[in-house]
Amino acid sequence: MGTPQWDRRQDALGNLNMLSDDMLCTILGMLSPRDVGTLACVSSVFYIFCNEEPLWMQLCLEKHEGGLDYKGTWRQTALEK
């Protein structure tokens, strides 16, 4: 017998819990890198969503039309000024 699992997604996302993970990722992709970084501080679940490398790669490639200097992670590259 294991310990009952607590679903922190519902508590952490509030009313946004009704959205699928894919929909949340789509919305995050529409935000600025700075806003995604700020949203990562809101809850542990948003922290996980906001630190996905594919999200940062998308944000980075949209921001840096043309040449870019990769900084080791897509997040660091996207946040580079």
PDB file of N, CA and C in Angstrom:
ATOM      1  N   MET A   1       0.832  -1.184   0.000  1.00  0.00           N
ATOM      2  CA  MET A   1       0.000   0.000   0.000  1.00  0.00           C
ATOM      3  C   MET A   1       0.875   1.245   0.000  1.00  0.00           C
ATOM      4  N   GLY A   2       0.643   2.088  -0.957  1.00  0.00           N
ATOM      5  CA  GLY A   2       1.409   3.316  -1.043  1.00  0.00           C
ATOM      6  C   GLY A   2       0.654   4.487  -0.450  1.00  0.00           C
ATOM      7  N   THR A   3       1.347   5.562  -0.344  1.00  0.00           N
ATOM      8  CA  THR A   3       0.753   6.796   0.138  1.00  0.00           C
ATOM      9  C   THR A   3      -0.100   7.397  -0.971  1.00  0.00           C
ATOM     10  N   PRO A   4      -1.282   7.915  -0.663  1.00  0.00           N
ATOM     11  CA  PRO A   4      -2.112   8.546  -1.696  1.00  0.00           C
ATOM     12  C   PRO A   4      -1.357   9.690  -2.377  1.00  0.00           C
ATOM     13  N   GLN A   5      -1.501   9.773  -3.681  1.00  0.00           N
ATOM     14  CA  GLN A   5      -0.842  10.821  -4.450  1.00  0.00           C
ATOM     15  C   GLN A   5      -1.680  12.097  -4.407  1.00  0.00           C
ATOM     16  N   TRP A   6      -1.008  13.211  -4.202  1.00  0.00           N
ATOM     17  CA  TRP A   6      -1.653  14.516  -4.184  1.00  0.00           C
ATOM     18  C   TRP A   6      -1.432  15.167  -5.538  1.00  0.00           C
ATOM     19  N   ASP A   7      -2.491  15.579  -6.187  1.00  0.00           N
ATOM     20  CA  ASP A   7      -2.390  16.220  -7.498  1.00  0.00           C
ATOM     21  C   ASP A   7      -2.212  17.722  -7.300  1.00  0.00           C
ATOM     22  N   ARG A   8      -0.963  18.153  -7.315  1.00  0.00           N
ATOM     23  CA  ARG A   8      -0.701  19.574  -7.092  1.00  0.00           C
ATOM     24  C   ARG A   8      -1.006  20.420  -8.313  1.00  0.00           C
ATOM     25  N   ARG A   9      -1.195  19.782  -9.476  1.00  0.00           N
ATOM     26  CA  ARG A   9      -1.499  20.527 -10.703  1.00  0.00           C
ATOM     27  C   ARG A   9      -2.747  21.372 -10.511  1.00  0.00           C
ATOM     28  N   GLN A  10      -3.803  20.758  -9.967  1.00  0.00           N
ATOM     29  CA  GLN A  10      -5.070  21.472  -9.781  1.00  0.00           C
ATOM     30  C   GLN A  10      -4.909  22.664  -8.852  1.00  0.00           C
ATOM     31  N   ASP A  11      -4.242  22.471  -7.735  1.00  0.00           N
ATOM     32  CA  ASP A  11      -4.051  23.571  -6.786  1.00  0.00           C
ATOM     33  C   ASP A  11      -3.150  24.661  -7.363  1.00  0.00           C
ATOM     34  N   ALA A  12      -2.099  24.252  -8.064  1.00  0.00           N
ATOM     35  CA  ALA A  12      -1.122  25.218  -8.574  1.00  0.00           C
ATOM     36  C   ALA A  12      -1.642  26.020  -9.755  1.00  0.00           C
ATOM     37  N   LEU A  13      -2.513  25.427 -10.549  1.00  0.00           N
ATOM     38  CA  LEU A  13      -3.001  26.122 -11.745  1.00  0.00           C
ATOM     39  C   LEU A  13      -4.339  26.812 -11.543  1.00  0.00           C
ATOM     40  N   GLY A  14      -5.048  26.497 -10.484  1.00  0.00           N
ATOM     41  CA  GLY A  14      -6.351  27.123 -10.264  1.00  0.00           C
ATOM     42  C   GLY A  14      -7.290  26.855 -11.424  1.00  0.00           C
ATOM     43  N   ASN A  15      -7.945  27.887 -11.916  1.00  0.00           N
ATOM     44  CA  ASN A  15      -8.902  27.731 -13.018  1.00  0.00           C
ATOM     45  C   ASN A  15      -8.251  27.309 -14.324  1.00  0.00           C
ATOM     46  N   LEU A  16      -6.946  27.550 -14.453  1.00  0.00           N
ATOM     47  CA  LEU A  16      -6.245  27.128 -15.667  1.00  0.00           C
ATOM     48  C   LEU A  16      -6.079  25.614 -15.732  1.00  0.00           C
ATOM     49  N   ASN A  17      -6.416  24.924 -14.651  1.00  0.00           N
ATOM     50  CA  ASN A  17      -6.328  23.474 -14.608  1.00  0.00           C
ATOM     51  C   ASN A  17      -7.189  22.813 -15.681  1.00  0.00           C
ATOM     52  N   MET A  18      -8.246  23.496 -16.121  1.00  0.00           N
ATOM     53  CA  MET A  18      -9.131  22.916 -17.133  1.00  0.00           C
ATOM     54  C   MET A  18      -8.458  22.848 -18.509  1.00  0.00           C
ATOM     55  N   LEU A  19      -7.345  23.568 -18.703  1.00  0.00           N
ATOM     56  CA  LEU A  19      -6.633  23.537 -19.976  1.00  0.00           C
ATOM     57  C   LEU A  19      -5.695  22.341 -20.024  1.00  0.00           C
ATOM     58  N   SER A  20      -5.550  21.769 -21.199  1.00  0.00           N
ATOM     59  CA  SER A  20      -4.625  20.656 -21.370  1.00  0.00           C
ATOM     60  C   SER A  20      -3.188  21.163 -21.294  1.00  0.00           C
ATOM     61  N   ASP A  21      -2.258  20.252 -21.077  1.00  0.00           N
ATOM     62  CA  ASP A  21      -0.847  20.623 -21.057  1.00  0.00           C
ATOM     63  C   ASP A  21      -0.439  21.251 -22.386  1.00  0.00           C
ATOM     64  N   ASP A  22      -0.936  20.689 -23.486  1.00  0.00           N
ATOM     65  CA  ASP A  22      -0.609  21.242 -24.806  1.00  0.00           C
ATOM     66  C   ASP A  22      -1.105  22.674 -24.959  1.00  0.00           C
ATOM     67  N   MET A  23      -2.305  22.948 -24.471  1.00  0.00           N
ATOM     68  CA  MET A  23      -2.860  24.305 -24.559  1.00  0.00           C
ATOM     69  C   MET A  23      -2.046  25.269 -23.710  1.00  0.00           C
ATOM     70  N   LEU A  24      -1.663  24.846 -22.505  1.00  0.00           N
ATOM     71  CA  LEU A  24      -0.833  25.705 -21.661  1.00  0.00           C
ATOM     72  C   LEU A  24       0.500  26.007 -22.336  1.00  0.00           C
ATOM     73  N   CYS A  25       1.100  25.009 -22.961  1.00  0.00           N
ATOM     74  CA  CYS A  25       2.373  25.219 -23.662  1.00  0.00           C
ATOM     75  C   CYS A  25       2.207  26.170 -24.837  1.00  0.00           C
ATOM     76  N   THR A  26       1.083  26.081 -25.531  1.00  0.00           N
ATOM     77  CA  THR A  26       0.804  26.999 -26.638  1.00  0.00           C
ATOM     78  C   THR A  26       0.708  28.431 -26.124  1.00  0.00           C
ATOM     79  N   ILE A  27       0.018  28.623 -25.027  1.00  0.00           N
ATOM     80  CA  ILE A  27      -0.120  29.958 -24.435  1.00  0.00           C
ATOM     81  C   ILE A  27       1.236  30.482 -23.986  1.00  0.00           C
ATOM     82  N   LEU A  28       2.028  29.640 -23.331  1.00  0.00           N
ATOM     83  CA  LEU A  28       3.357  30.062 -22.873  1.00  0.00           C
ATOM     84  C   LEU A  28       4.224  30.493 -24.045  1.00  0.00           C
ATOM     85  N   GLY A  29       4.063  29.842 -25.178  1.00  0.00           N
ATOM     86  CA  GLY A  29       4.829  30.183 -26.371  1.00  0.00           C
ATOM     87  C   GLY A  29       4.497  31.554 -26.933  1.00  0.00           C
ATOM     88  N   MET A  30       3.385  32.129 -26.498  1.00  0.00           N
ATOM     89  CA  MET A  30       2.977  33.457 -26.964  1.00  0.00           C
ATOM     90  C   MET A  30       3.516  34.573 -26.066  1.00  0.00           C
ATOM     91  N   LEU A  31       4.097  34.201 -24.937  1.00  0.00           N
ATOM     92  CA  LEU A  31       4.609  35.193 -23.992  1.00  0.00           C
ATOM     93  C   LEU A  31       6.040  35.584 -24.340  1.00  0.00           C
ATOM     94  N   SER A  32       6.478  36.680 -23.776  1.00  0.00           N
ATOM     95  CA  SER A  32       7.873  37.095 -23.942  1.00  0.00           C
ATOM     96  C   SER A  32       8.752  36.231 -23.036  1.00  0.00           C
ATOM     97  N   PRO A  33      10.039  36.104 -23.353  1.00  0.00           N
ATOM     98  CA  PRO A  33      10.934  35.358 -22.464  1.00  0.00           C
ATOM     99  C   PRO A  33      10.899  35.871 -21.026  1.00  0.00           C
ATOM    100  N   ARG A  34      10.839  37.168 -20.853  1.00  0.00           N
ATOM    101  CA  ARG A  34      10.788  37.746 -19.512  1.00  0.00           C
ATOM    102  C   ARG A  34       9.519  37.320 -18.779  1.00  0.00           C
ATOM    103  N   ASP A  35       8.385  37.335 -19.473  1.00  0.00           N
ATOM    104  CA  ASP A  35       7.126  36.933 -18.846  1.00  0.00           C
ATOM    105  C   ASP A  35       7.130  35.451 -18.473  1.00  0.00           C
ATOM    106  N   VAL A  36       7.723  34.609 -19.312  1.00  0.00           N
ATOM    107  CA  VAL A  36       7.817  33.184 -18.996  1.00  0.00           C
ATOM    108  C   VAL A  36       8.685  32.994 -17.749  1.00  0.00           C
ATOM    109  N   GLY A  37       9.783  33.726 -17.675  1.00  0.00           N
ATOM    110  CA  GLY A  37      10.638  33.652 -16.493  1.00  0.00           C
ATOM    111  C   GLY A  37       9.913  34.075 -15.232  1.00  0.00           C
ATOM    112  N   THR A  38       9.103  35.102 -15.332  1.00  0.00           N
ATOM    113  CA  THR A  38       8.319  35.570 -14.187  1.00  0.00           C
ATOM    114  C   THR A  38       7.257  34.545 -13.802  1.00  0.00           C
ATOM    115  N   LEU A  39       6.580  33.990 -14.787  1.00  0.00           N
ATOM    116  CA  LEU A  39       5.528  33.001 -14.531  1.00  0.00           C
ATOM    117  C   LEU A  39       6.096  31.752 -13.853  1.00  0.00           C
ATOM    118  N   ALA A  40       7.345  31.432 -14.127  1.00  0.00           N
ATOM    119  CA  ALA A  40       7.975  30.268 -13.497  1.00  0.00           C
ATOM    120  C   ALA A  40       8.041  30.416 -11.974  1.00  0.00           C
ATOM    121  N   CYS A  41       7.938  31.628 -11.482  1.00  0.00           N
ATOM    122  CA  CYS A  41       8.003  31.881 -10.038  1.00  0.00           C
ATOM    123  C   CYS A  41       6.649  31.758  -9.346  1.00  0.00           C
ATOM    124  N   VAL A  42       5.593  31.576 -10.104  1.00  0.00           N
ATOM    125  CA  VAL A  42       4.237  31.585  -9.551  1.00  0.00           C
ATOM    126  C   VAL A  42       3.910  30.318  -8.761  1.00  0.00           C
ATOM    127  N   SER A  43       4.292  29.160  -9.286  1.00  0.00           N
ATOM    128  CA  SER A  43       3.991  27.897  -8.613  1.00  0.00           C
ATOM    129  C   SER A  43       4.956  26.825  -9.092  1.00  0.00           C
ATOM    130  N   SER A  44       4.987  25.723  -8.380  1.00  0.00           N
ATOM    131  CA  SER A  44       5.883  24.631  -8.767  1.00  0.00           C
ATOM    132  C   SER A  44       5.486  24.034 -10.110  1.00  0.00           C
ATOM    133  N   VAL A  45       4.208  24.006 -10.411  1.00  0.00           N
ATOM    134  CA  VAL A  45       3.755  23.455 -11.689  1.00  0.00           C
ATOM    135  C   VAL A  45       4.127  24.402 -12.830  1.00  0.00           C
ATOM    136  N   PHE A  46       3.928  25.691 -12.651  1.00  0.00           N
ATOM    137  CA  PHE A  46       4.347  26.635 -13.692  1.00  0.00           C
ATOM    138  C   PHE A  46       5.868  26.619 -13.851  1.00  0.00           C
ATOM    139  N   TYR A  47       6.587  26.404 -12.762  1.00  0.00           N
ATOM    140  CA  TYR A  47       8.044  26.293 -12.848  1.00  0.00           C
ATOM    141  C   TYR A  47       8.433  25.169 -13.811  1.00  0.00           C
ATOM    142  N   ILE A  48       7.763  24.042 -13.678  1.00  0.00           N
ATOM    143  CA  ILE A  48       8.055  22.901 -14.552  1.00  0.00           C
ATOM    144  C   ILE A  48       7.709  23.243 -16.007  1.00  0.00           C
ATOM    145  N   PHE A  49       6.525  23.782 -16.243  1.00  0.00           N
ATOM    146  CA  PHE A  49       6.130  24.153 -17.604  1.00  0.00           C
ATOM    147  C   PHE A  49       7.093  25.182 -18.204  1.00  0.00           C
ATOM    148  N   CYS A  50       7.472  26.155 -17.418  1.00  0.00           N
ATOM    149  CA  CYS A  50       8.268  27.282 -17.918  1.00  0.00           C
ATOM    150  C   CYS A  50       9.752  26.964 -18.075  1.00  0.00           C
ATOM    151  N   ASN A  51      10.178  25.799 -17.672  1.00  0.00           N
ATOM    152  CA  ASN A  51      11.584  25.445 -17.816  1.00  0.00           C
ATOM    153  C   ASN A  51      11.822  24.339 -18.834  1.00  0.00           C
ATOM    154  N   GLU A  52      10.854  24.110 -19.685  1.00  0.00           N
ATOM    155  CA  GLU A  52      11.003  23.125 -20.748  1.00  0.00           C
ATOM    156  C   GLU A  52      11.866  23.701 -21.868  1.00  0.00           C
ATOM    157  N   GLU A  53      12.907  22.983 -22.245  1.00  0.00           N
ATOM    158  CA  GLU A  53      13.815  23.456 -23.296  1.00  0.00           C
ATOM    159  C   GLU A  53      13.113  23.720 -24.635  1.00  0.00           C
ATOM    160  N   PRO A  54      12.144  22.874 -25.068  1.00  0.00           N
ATOM    161  CA  PRO A  54      11.464  23.187 -26.342  1.00  0.00           C
ATOM    162  C   PRO A  54      10.761  24.543 -26.333  1.00  0.00           C
ATOM    163  N   LEU A  55      10.199  24.938 -25.191  1.00  0.00           N
ATOM    164  CA  LEU A  55       9.565  26.257 -25.080  1.00  0.00           C
ATOM    165  C   LEU A  55      10.608  27.346 -25.283  1.00  0.00           C
ATOM    166  N   TRP A  56      11.748  27.222 -24.590  1.00  0.00           N
ATOM    167  CA  TRP A  56      12.796  28.238 -24.702  1.00  0.00           C
ATOM    168  C   TRP A  56      13.414  28.255 -26.092  1.00  0.00           C
ATOM    169  N   MET A  57      13.501  27.096 -26.737  1.00  0.00           N
ATOM    170  CA  MET A  57      14.019  27.066 -28.100  1.00  0.00           C
ATOM    171  C   MET A  57      13.093  27.865 -29.026  1.00  0.00           C
ATOM    172  N   GLN A  58      11.790  27.649 -28.872  1.00  0.00           N
ATOM    173  CA  GLN A  58      10.808  28.393 -29.676  1.00  0.00           C
ATOM    174  C   GLN A  58      10.928  29.889 -29.431  1.00  0.00           C
ATOM    175  N   LEU A  59      10.978  30.292 -28.160  1.00  0.00           N
ATOM    176  CA  LEU A  59      11.082  31.713 -27.826  1.00  0.00           C
ATOM    177  C   LEU A  59      12.375  32.312 -28.368  1.00  0.00           C
ATOM    178  N   CYS A  60      13.437  31.547 -28.288  1.00  0.00           N
ATOM    179  CA  CYS A  60      14.742  32.019 -28.734  1.00  0.00           C
ATOM    180  C   CYS A  60      14.764  32.219 -30.246  1.00  0.00           C
ATOM    181  N   LEU A  61      14.278  31.234 -30.967  1.00  0.00           N
ATOM    182  CA  LEU A  61      14.318  31.317 -32.428  1.00  0.00           C
ATOM    183  C   LEU A  61      13.405  32.412 -32.961  1.00  0.00           C
ATOM    184  N   GLU A  62      12.313  32.689 -32.262  1.00  0.00           N
ATOM    185  CA  GLU A  62      11.437  33.789 -32.674  1.00  0.00           C
ATOM    186  C   GLU A  62      12.086  35.135 -32.388  1.00  0.00           C
ATOM    187  N   LYS A  63      12.802  35.224 -31.286  1.00  0.00           N
ATOM    188  CA  LYS A  63      13.441  36.476 -30.889  1.00  0.00           C
ATOM    189  C   LYS A  63      14.649  36.794 -31.764  1.00  0.00           C
ATOM    190  N   HIS A  64      15.444  35.788 -32.049  1.00  0.00           N
ATOM    191  CA  HIS A  64      16.702  35.977 -32.771  1.00  0.00           C
ATOM    192  C   HIS A  64      16.532  35.599 -34.236  1.00  0.00           C
ATOM    193  N   GLU A  65      15.823  36.395 -34.961  1.00  0.00           N
ATOM    194  CA  GLU A  65      15.673  36.144 -36.392  1.00  0.00           C
ATOM    195  C   GLU A  65      17.017  36.395 -37.039  1.00  0.00           C
ATOM    196  N   GLY A  66      17.636  35.330 -37.492  1.00  0.00           N
ATOM    197  CA  GLY A  66      18.974  35.446 -38.044  1.00  0.00           C
ATOM    198  C   GLY A  66      19.985  34.805 -37.126  1.00  0.00           C
ATOM    199  N   GLY A  67      21.164  35.390 -37.024  1.00  0.00           N
ATOM    200  CA  GLY A  67      22.238  34.819 -36.229  1.00  0.00           C
ATOM    201  C   GLY A  67      21.997  34.936 -34.739  1.00  0.00           C
ATOM    202  N   LEU A  68      22.495  33.962 -34.003  1.00  0.00           N
ATOM    203  CA  LEU A  68      22.418  34.007 -32.558  1.00  0.00           C
ATOM    204  C   LEU A  68      23.654  33.344 -31.973  1.00  0.00           C
ATOM    205  N   ASP A  69      23.950  33.678 -30.744  1.00  0.00           N
ATOM    206  CA  ASP A  69      25.091  33.129 -30.034  1.00  0.00           C
ATOM    207  C   ASP A  69      24.549  32.221 -28.943  1.00  0.00           C
ATOM    208  N   TYR A  70      24.596  30.897 -29.185  1.00  0.00           N
ATOM    209  CA  TYR A  70      24.050  29.917 -28.240  1.00  0.00           C
ATOM    210  C   TYR A  70      24.830  29.964 -26.931  1.00  0.00           C
ATOM    211  N   LYS A  71      24.118  30.039 -25.807  1.00  0.00           N
ATOM    212  CA  LYS A  71      24.728  30.231 -24.487  1.00  0.00           C
ATOM    213  C   LYS A  71      24.721  28.974 -23.613  1.00  0.00           C
ATOM    214  N   GLY A  72      24.577  27.796 -24.190  1.00  0.00           N
ATOM    215  CA  GLY A  72      24.602  26.557 -23.417  1.00  0.00           C
ATOM    216  C   GLY A  72      23.239  25.945 -23.171  1.00  0.00           C
ATOM    217  N   THR A  73      22.214  26.786 -23.026  1.00  0.00           N
ATOM    218  CA  THR A  73      20.824  26.319 -22.948  1.00  0.00           C
ATOM    219  C   THR A  73      19.977  27.290 -23.761  1.00  0.00           C
ATOM    220  N   TRP A  74      18.833  26.812 -24.204  1.00  0.00           N
ATOM    221  CA  TRP A  74      17.938  27.697 -24.958  1.00  0.00           C
ATOM    222  C   TRP A  74      17.418  28.811 -24.062  1.00  0.00           C
ATOM    223  N   ARG A  75      17.194  28.515 -22.792  1.00  0.00           N
ATOM    224  CA  ARG A  75      16.709  29.538 -21.865  1.00  0.00           C
ATOM    225  C   ARG A  75      17.733  30.670 -21.734  1.00  0.00           C
ATOM    226  N   GLN A  76      18.982  30.323 -21.498  1.00  0.00           N
ATOM    227  CA  GLN A  76      20.022  31.356 -21.366  1.00  0.00           C
ATOM    228  C   GLN A  76      20.163  32.149 -22.664  1.00  0.00           C
ATOM    229  N   THR A  77      20.062  31.468 -23.789  1.00  0.00           N
ATOM    230  CA  THR A  77      20.187  32.139 -25.086  1.00  0.00           C
ATOM    231  C   THR A  77      19.020  33.092 -25.311  1.00  0.00           C
ATOM    232  N   ALA A  78      17.800  32.672 -24.974  1.00  0.00           N
ATOM    233  CA  ALA A  78      16.618  33.518 -25.167  1.00  0.00           C
ATOM    234  C   ALA A  78      16.643  34.743 -24.263  1.00  0.00           C
ATOM    235  N   LEU A  79      17.183  34.597 -23.071  1.00  0.00           N
ATOM    236  CA  LEU A  79      17.202  35.706 -22.115  1.00  0.00           C
ATOM    237  C   LEU A  79      18.373  36.643 -22.322  1.00  0.00           C
ATOM    238  N   GLU A  80      19.313  36.255 -23.180  1.00  0.00           N
ATOM    239  CA  GLU A  80      20.464  37.107 -23.463  1.00  0.00           C
ATOM    240  C   GLU A  80      20.013  38.374 -24.173  1.00  0.00           C
ATOM    241  N   LYS A  81      20.522  39.470 -23.745  1.00  0.00           N
ATOM    242  CA  LYS A  81      20.134  40.753 -24.368  1.00  0.00           C
ATOM    243  C   LYS A  81      20.993  41.068 -25.537  1.00  0.00           C
TER     244      LYS A  81
END
